[in-house]
Amino acid sequence: MHPFIVLPIALATCGATMIGGLFAIHMRDRLHLILGFSAGAVIGVAFFDLMPEAIESAKLLNARDMLAIVAFGFFFYVLLDRMVALHSHDGHPGHRERRGWIGAGSLSVHSFMDGFAIGVAFQASQSIGYVVAAAVLVHDFSDGLNTVNVVVKNGAGRNAAFGWLVVDALAPLLGASASLLIALSQNAVAVFLAIFSGFFLYIGASDLLPESHHAHPRLFTTLSTFAGAACLFVVTRVAG
C-alpha cells in the first residue's frame, strides 16, 4: 500500500462529503424530503453495510455477540442523547444544539473510520481497497448531507452546519492518514463497526425519521426514506 494511492482517494471522499452537505444547506425549503432520505440512508448504512461487515470480520465473536455490541452502541447513544436533552428544558438554544453536535460528531467519527477502512483495505490488496473506496465515495455524499441535517434540525445556523461539514469532510483524510501509521486487529475493527451500527440506528430511527414526518405530507417523505435505504442497499450490493 502506498500513500499516493490512499490519500488521493481520501481527498475524493472529502469532496463527496462537501457536495452532499452543501446540497443540504442550499435546499432547506425541501428539508423534510432530505431528512427523510437521510433517515433511510443512515439506517441503510447500519443494516446493509456496517452490521454485515462487523459480523463477517469478527473472528473471536459470533453473530449473537456482535448484535449485542450493536445494541450496546444503540443504548449508549440513547444515554448520551438523554443526558444532553435533560439540559434542554430551560429553553437555552445552546443546550438543544448540543444534540446536533453529538450526532455530527458521531458521523464525523464514522467518516474517520471510513478513511481508516480504505487504508486497511489497501493493506489487504489493491482490488479490495478499490471496492471499499468505491463504497465509501458513494455513501460519503449521504454522510455530508446527514451531518448538516442533524445540526440544522437541532436549531443551529448555517455557519455551525458548515463548520461541522468541514470537520466531517476532513475526517476521512485523517482516517486514511492514520491507517498508514496504525494497525488495528480485525476483531477490533469489527467491534467499532458494530458500535457505530447502533449509533446510526438511533440517529436514523429516533431523530431524523420522526423529524422528517413532522408537519409535512407523509407520502413523499416516506418515499424519500425508502429511496435513501434503497440507494444504500444498491451501493453496498454493487460494491460488495
Protein backbone atom coordinates (compact mmCIF):
# COMPACT_ATOMS: atom_id res chain seq x y z
CA MET A 1 0.00 0.00 0.00
CA HIS A 2 1.34 3.39 -0.95
CA PRO A 3 0.19 6.78 0.35
CA PHE A 4 -0.01 8.09 -3.21
CA ILE A 5 -2.92 5.67 -3.77
CA VAL A 6 -4.76 6.00 -0.47
CA LEU A 7 -4.53 9.75 0.17
CA PRO A 8 -5.90 10.91 -3.23
CA ILE A 9 -8.88 8.60 -2.75
CA ALA A 10 -9.37 10.06 0.73
CA LEU A 11 -9.32 13.56 -0.78
CA ALA A 12 -12.06 12.46 -3.20
CA THR A 13 -14.19 11.34 -0.24
CA CYS A 14 -13.73 14.83 1.25
CA GLY A 15 -15.17 16.28 -1.94
CA ALA A 16 -18.12 13.88 -1.93
CA THR A 17 -18.92 14.80 1.68
CA MET A 18 -18.76 18.54 0.96
CA ILE A 19 -21.04 18.21 -2.06
CA GLY A 20 -23.64 16.32 -0.03
CA GLY A 21 -23.52 18.84 2.81
CA LEU A 22 -23.72 21.89 0.55
CA PHE A 23 -26.70 20.33 -1.17
CA ALA A 24 -28.45 20.08 2.20
CA ILE A 25 -27.54 23.67 3.16
CA HIS A 26 -28.96 25.15 -0.03
CA MET A 27 -32.11 23.01 -0.10
CA ARG A 28 -33.60 23.93 3.29
CA ASP A 29 -37.01 24.55 1.72
CA ARG A 30 -37.10 20.84 0.92
CA LEU A 31 -35.51 19.82 4.20
CA HIS A 32 -38.26 17.37 5.15
CA LEU A 33 -37.59 15.37 1.99
CA ILE A 34 -33.83 15.49 2.60
CA LEU A 35 -34.35 14.41 6.22
CA GLY A 36 -36.48 11.51 5.02
CA PHE A 37 -33.79 10.43 2.56
CA SER A 38 -31.13 10.86 5.25
CA ALA A 39 -33.07 8.69 7.69
CA GLY A 40 -33.29 5.88 5.16
CA ALA A 41 -29.63 6.29 4.24
CA VAL A 42 -28.40 6.26 7.85
CA ILE A 43 -30.49 3.20 8.72
CA GLY A 44 -29.40 1.60 5.45
CA VAL A 45 -25.72 2.13 6.32
CA ALA A 46 -26.28 0.31 9.61
CA PHE A 47 -28.27 -2.61 8.18
CA PHE A 48 -26.64 -3.10 4.78
CA ASP A 49 -23.04 -2.03 5.38
CA LEU A 50 -21.77 -1.79 8.95
CA MET A 51 -23.52 -4.74 10.60
CA PRO A 52 -22.76 -7.29 7.84
CA GLU A 53 -19.14 -6.16 7.74
CA ALA A 54 -18.86 -6.37 11.52
CA ILE A 55 -20.28 -9.91 11.63
CA GLU A 56 -18.11 -11.09 8.73
CA SER A 57 -14.95 -9.51 10.12
CA ALA A 58 -15.23 -10.84 13.68
CA LYS A 59 -13.15 -13.94 14.29
CA LEU A 60 -13.40 -14.29 18.06
CA LEU A 61 -17.08 -13.28 18.39
CA ASN A 62 -20.17 -14.87 16.86
CA ALA A 63 -23.15 -13.11 15.27
CA ARG A 64 -25.11 -13.05 18.55
CA ASP A 65 -22.18 -11.33 20.29
CA MET A 66 -21.84 -8.78 17.52
CA LEU A 67 -25.55 -7.92 17.62
CA ALA A 68 -25.24 -7.44 21.37
CA ILE A 69 -22.48 -4.91 20.68
CA VAL A 70 -24.79 -3.19 18.17
CA ALA A 71 -27.41 -2.96 20.94
CA PHE A 72 -24.76 -1.54 23.29
CA GLY A 73 -23.97 1.17 20.74
CA PHE A 74 -27.68 1.95 20.34
CA PHE A 75 -28.39 2.29 24.07
CA PHE A 76 -25.12 4.11 24.74
CA TYR A 77 -26.19 6.72 22.20
CA VAL A 78 -29.63 6.85 23.85
CA LEU A 79 -27.89 7.64 27.15
CA LEU A 80 -25.78 10.39 25.57
CA ASP A 81 -28.80 11.91 23.89
CA ARG A 82 -30.91 11.84 27.04
CA MET A 83 -28.14 13.40 29.12
CA VAL A 84 -27.99 16.34 26.72
CA ALA A 85 -31.80 16.54 26.50
CA LEU A 86 -32.06 16.88 30.29
CA HIS A 87 -30.45 20.31 29.99
CA SER A 88 -32.72 21.47 27.15
CA HIS A 89 -35.84 22.13 29.24
CA ASP A 90 -34.70 25.58 30.29
CA GLY A 91 -35.09 26.75 26.69
CA HIS A 92 -31.46 27.70 26.24
CA PRO A 93 -30.75 27.28 22.50
CA GLY A 94 -27.18 26.14 23.12
CA HIS A 95 -28.37 23.08 25.01
CA ARG A 96 -30.55 21.96 22.13
CA GLU A 97 -27.71 22.48 19.69
CA ARG A 98 -25.55 20.04 21.63
CA ARG A 99 -27.79 17.21 20.47
CA GLY A 100 -26.88 18.11 16.92
CA TRP A 101 -23.21 18.29 17.86
CA ILE A 102 -23.30 14.75 19.26
CA GLY A 103 -24.90 13.47 16.07
CA ALA A 104 -22.50 15.36 13.82
CA GLY A 105 -19.56 14.27 15.95
CA SER A 106 -20.50 10.59 15.70
CA LEU A 107 -20.97 10.92 11.94
CA SER A 108 -17.55 12.55 11.71
CA VAL A 109 -16.01 9.69 13.69
CA HIS A 110 -17.71 7.31 11.27
CA SER A 111 -16.17 9.24 8.38
CA PHE A 112 -12.78 8.93 10.09
CA MET A 113 -13.33 5.17 10.23
CA ASP A 114 -14.30 5.23 6.53
CA GLY A 115 -10.93 6.70 5.68
CA PHE A 116 -9.20 4.26 8.02
CA ALA A 117 -11.07 1.39 6.35
CA ILE A 118 -9.82 2.48 2.93
CA GLY A 119 -6.24 2.30 4.13
CA VAL A 120 -6.73 -1.05 5.86
CA ALA A 121 -8.40 -2.47 2.73
CA PHE A 122 -5.43 -1.47 0.60
CA GLN A 123 -3.16 -3.21 3.09
CA ALA A 124 -5.00 -6.42 2.21
CA SER A 125 -4.88 -5.93 -1.58
CA GLN A 126 -5.43 -3.25 -4.19
CA SER A 127 -8.59 -4.93 -5.53
CA ILE A 128 -10.24 -4.97 -2.09
CA GLY A 129 -9.07 -1.42 -1.49
CA TYR A 130 -10.72 -0.11 -4.65
CA VAL A 131 -14.01 -1.86 -3.83
CA VAL A 132 -14.09 -0.36 -0.34
CA ALA A 133 -13.08 3.05 -1.71
CA ALA A 134 -15.96 2.99 -4.22
CA ALA A 135 -18.48 2.21 -1.48
CA VAL A 136 -17.12 4.98 0.76
CA LEU A 137 -17.11 7.54 -2.05
CA VAL A 138 -20.76 6.95 -2.88
CA HIS A 139 -22.16 7.00 0.64
CA ASP A 140 -19.96 9.90 1.83
CA PHE A 141 -22.34 12.14 -0.12
CA SER A 142 -25.03 10.96 2.30
CA ASP A 143 -22.65 11.45 5.23
CA GLY A 144 -22.22 15.13 4.39
CA LEU A 145 -25.94 15.56 3.89
CA ASN A 146 -26.70 13.76 7.16
CA THR A 147 -24.18 15.84 9.12
CA VAL A 148 -25.75 19.11 8.01
CA ASN A 149 -29.28 17.84 8.65
CA VAL A 150 -28.52 16.67 12.19
CA VAL A 151 -27.04 20.05 13.10
CA VAL A 152 -29.71 22.20 11.41
CA LYS A 153 -32.70 20.29 12.80
CA ASN A 154 -31.45 20.93 16.33
CA GLY A 155 -31.53 24.70 15.93
CA ALA A 156 -28.04 25.59 14.70
CA GLY A 157 -27.46 28.01 11.84
CA ARG A 158 -25.71 27.64 8.53
CA ASN A 159 -22.31 28.63 9.91
CA ALA A 160 -22.37 25.87 12.51
CA ALA A 161 -23.63 23.37 9.93
CA PHE A 162 -20.87 24.35 7.53
CA GLY A 163 -18.26 24.06 10.28
CA TRP A 164 -19.33 20.52 11.11
CA LEU A 165 -19.45 19.73 7.39
CA VAL A 166 -15.79 20.73 7.09
CA VAL A 167 -14.93 18.52 10.08
CA ASP A 168 -16.81 15.60 8.54
CA ALA A 169 -15.17 16.18 5.15
CA LEU A 170 -11.66 16.19 6.62
CA ALA A 171 -12.29 13.13 8.79
CA PRO A 172 -11.75 10.51 6.02
CA LEU A 173 -8.44 12.11 5.11
CA LEU A 174 -7.33 11.96 8.74
CA GLY A 175 -8.51 8.34 8.99
CA ALA A 176 -6.64 7.34 5.84
CA SER A 177 -3.50 9.07 7.14
CA ALA A 178 -3.83 7.23 10.46
CA SER A 179 -4.12 3.91 8.63
CA LEU A 180 -0.62 4.46 7.30
CA LEU A 181 0.69 4.56 10.88
CA ILE A 182 -1.67 2.39 12.97
CA ALA A 183 -2.74 -1.21 12.52
CA LEU A 184 -5.85 -2.47 14.34
CA SER A 185 -6.71 -6.12 14.71
CA GLN A 186 -9.58 -7.42 12.61
CA ASN A 187 -11.67 -8.05 15.70
CA ALA A 188 -11.15 -4.52 17.00
CA VAL A 189 -12.35 -3.10 13.68
CA ALA A 190 -15.41 -5.39 13.82
CA VAL A 191 -16.32 -4.13 17.29
CA PHE A 192 -16.07 -0.50 16.17
CA LEU A 193 -18.30 -1.19 13.18
CA ALA A 194 -20.91 -2.84 15.41
CA ILE A 195 -20.94 0.09 17.86
CA PHE A 196 -21.38 2.60 15.05
CA SER A 197 -24.24 0.48 13.68
CA GLY A 198 -26.09 1.06 16.94
CA PHE A 199 -25.33 4.78 16.79
CA PHE A 200 -26.76 5.13 13.30
CA LEU A 201 -29.86 3.07 14.03
CA TYR A 202 -30.69 5.53 16.81
CA ILE A 203 -29.86 8.64 14.77
CA GLY A 204 -31.97 7.48 11.85
CA ALA A 205 -34.96 5.93 13.62
CA SER A 206 -35.28 8.18 16.68
CA ASP A 207 -34.03 11.53 15.38
CA LEU A 208 -34.10 12.07 11.62
CA LEU A 209 -37.10 9.90 10.74
CA PRO A 210 -39.62 11.47 13.18
CA GLU A 211 -38.47 14.99 12.27
CA SER A 212 -38.90 14.31 8.55
CA HIS A 213 -42.58 13.46 9.10
CA HIS A 214 -43.35 16.41 11.37
CA ALA A 215 -45.97 18.74 9.86
CA HIS A 216 -45.26 17.61 6.31
CA PRO A 217 -47.05 15.35 3.81
CA ARG A 218 -46.10 11.84 4.79
CA LEU A 219 -46.32 10.19 1.38
CA PHE A 220 -43.35 11.98 -0.15
CA THR A 221 -41.21 11.85 3.00
CA THR A 222 -41.92 8.13 3.30
CA LEU A 223 -40.93 7.61 -0.32
CA SER A 224 -37.78 9.63 0.34
CA THR A 225 -36.94 7.37 3.27
CA PHE A 226 -37.39 4.27 1.14
CA ALA A 227 -35.27 5.88 -1.56
CA GLY A 228 -32.45 6.55 0.90
CA ALA A 229 -32.49 2.98 2.16
CA ALA A 230 -32.72 1.57 -1.38
CA CYS A 231 -29.80 3.73 -2.50
CA LEU A 232 -27.54 2.37 0.23
CA PHE A 233 -28.74 -1.17 -0.45
CA VAL A 234 -27.79 -0.90 -4.11
CA VAL A 235 -24.45 0.72 -3.31
CA THR A 236 -23.45 -1.97 -0.85
CA ARG A 237 -24.58 -4.76 -3.20
CA VAL A 238 -22.67 -3.35 -6.15
CA ALA A 239 -19.56 -2.58 -4.11
CA GLY A 240 -19.68 -5.96 -2.38
